[in-house]
Protein backbone atom coordinates (compact mmCIF):
# COMPACT_ATOMS: atom_id res chain seq x y z
CA MET A 1 40.43 -13.55 -111.40
CA ILE A 2 38.79 -15.76 -108.78
CA LYS A 3 35.24 -14.72 -107.90
CA ALA A 4 34.35 -15.28 -104.23
CA GLY A 5 31.23 -15.13 -102.09
CA ILE A 6 30.66 -15.32 -98.35
CA ILE A 7 27.62 -16.68 -96.54
CA GLY A 8 27.29 -15.63 -92.91
CA GLY A 9 29.12 -12.37 -93.43
CA SER A 10 28.30 -10.49 -90.23
CA GLY A 11 30.59 -12.38 -87.85
CA TYR A 12 34.16 -11.60 -86.85
CA ALA A 13 35.78 -14.35 -88.95
CA ALA A 14 33.85 -13.25 -92.03
CA GLY A 15 34.99 -9.67 -91.49
CA GLU A 16 38.61 -10.80 -91.46
CA LEU A 17 38.01 -12.90 -94.57
CA VAL A 18 36.51 -9.87 -96.32
CA ARG A 19 39.67 -7.92 -95.46
CA ILE A 20 41.89 -10.66 -96.89
CA LEU A 21 39.86 -11.14 -100.06
CA ILE A 22 39.44 -7.48 -101.00
CA ASN A 23 43.19 -6.99 -100.70
CA HIS A 24 44.13 -10.06 -102.72
CA PRO A 25 45.15 -9.15 -106.28
CA ASP A 26 43.59 -12.26 -107.84
CA VAL A 27 40.22 -12.23 -106.06
CA GLU A 28 37.01 -10.33 -106.75
CA LEU A 29 34.52 -10.41 -103.87
CA LYS A 30 31.14 -10.66 -105.60
CA TRP A 31 28.80 -10.66 -102.57
CA VAL A 32 28.61 -11.05 -98.81
CA HIS A 33 25.38 -12.64 -97.61
CA SER A 34 23.77 -12.10 -94.23
CA ARG A 35 20.18 -12.67 -93.21
CA THR A 36 20.50 -10.59 -90.04
CA VAL A 37 22.03 -7.42 -91.52
CA ALA A 38 20.96 -7.65 -95.18
CA GLY A 39 20.88 -4.24 -96.81
CA GLN A 40 23.31 -2.67 -94.36
CA ARG A 41 26.72 -1.47 -95.44
CA ILE A 42 29.52 -3.88 -94.65
CA VAL A 43 31.52 -1.09 -93.02
CA ASP A 44 28.68 -0.43 -90.59
CA VAL A 45 29.12 -3.95 -89.19
CA HIS A 46 32.86 -4.39 -89.80
CA GLN A 47 34.00 -0.92 -88.85
CA GLY A 48 37.67 -1.70 -89.39
CA LEU A 49 37.00 -1.85 -93.13
CA HIS A 50 36.09 1.84 -93.52
CA GLY A 51 37.67 3.18 -96.68
CA GLU A 52 38.43 -0.31 -98.02
CA ILE A 53 35.06 -1.57 -99.29
CA ASP A 54 31.81 -0.07 -100.56
CA MET A 55 29.35 -2.97 -100.51
CA THR A 56 26.18 -3.87 -98.68
CA PHE A 57 25.22 -7.24 -97.26
CA SER A 58 23.03 -9.24 -99.59
CA SER A 59 19.84 -11.03 -98.57
CA THR A 60 20.25 -13.50 -101.45
CA TYR A 61 23.13 -15.29 -103.08
CA ASP A 62 23.76 -16.72 -106.52
CA LEU A 63 26.27 -19.55 -106.55
CA ASN A 64 26.52 -19.28 -110.35
CA THR A 65 28.34 -15.94 -110.02
CA ILE A 66 31.27 -17.27 -107.97
CA ASP A 67 34.14 -19.75 -108.18
CA VAL A 68 34.67 -20.19 -104.45
CA LEU A 69 32.37 -19.96 -101.43
CA SER A 70 33.09 -19.45 -97.75
CA VAL A 71 30.40 -20.38 -95.24
CA SER A 72 31.26 -18.41 -92.11
CA TYR A 73 28.95 -20.04 -89.60
CA THR A 74 29.58 -22.30 -86.64
CA HIS A 75 30.38 -25.90 -87.56
CA LEU A 76 26.88 -27.36 -87.23
CA ARG A 77 25.13 -24.46 -88.93
CA ALA A 78 27.71 -24.44 -91.74
CA HIS A 79 27.19 -28.17 -92.27
CA GLU A 80 23.41 -27.74 -92.48
CA THR A 81 23.77 -24.75 -94.84
CA VAL A 82 26.06 -26.61 -97.22
CA LEU A 83 23.73 -29.60 -97.32
CA ASP A 84 20.90 -27.26 -98.37
CA LEU A 85 22.88 -25.76 -101.26
């Protein structure tokens, strides 16, 4: 089982990635990080996922709990975020 995490989870692309990952038989989505909507339910932001996921956005992330990371920001912000990891 591949453990995945998403940083920048409140945007459209991240919502589609959540949909793909939660429906993949070999992936476990461990957390979805968002500074802007931390603590809110993912389905409250990505309403098309109602009935598919019961998680909240995290305000923190632990890279030691995952095998693969997606940074769902714009190019420049993603670059800066990855350099800070």
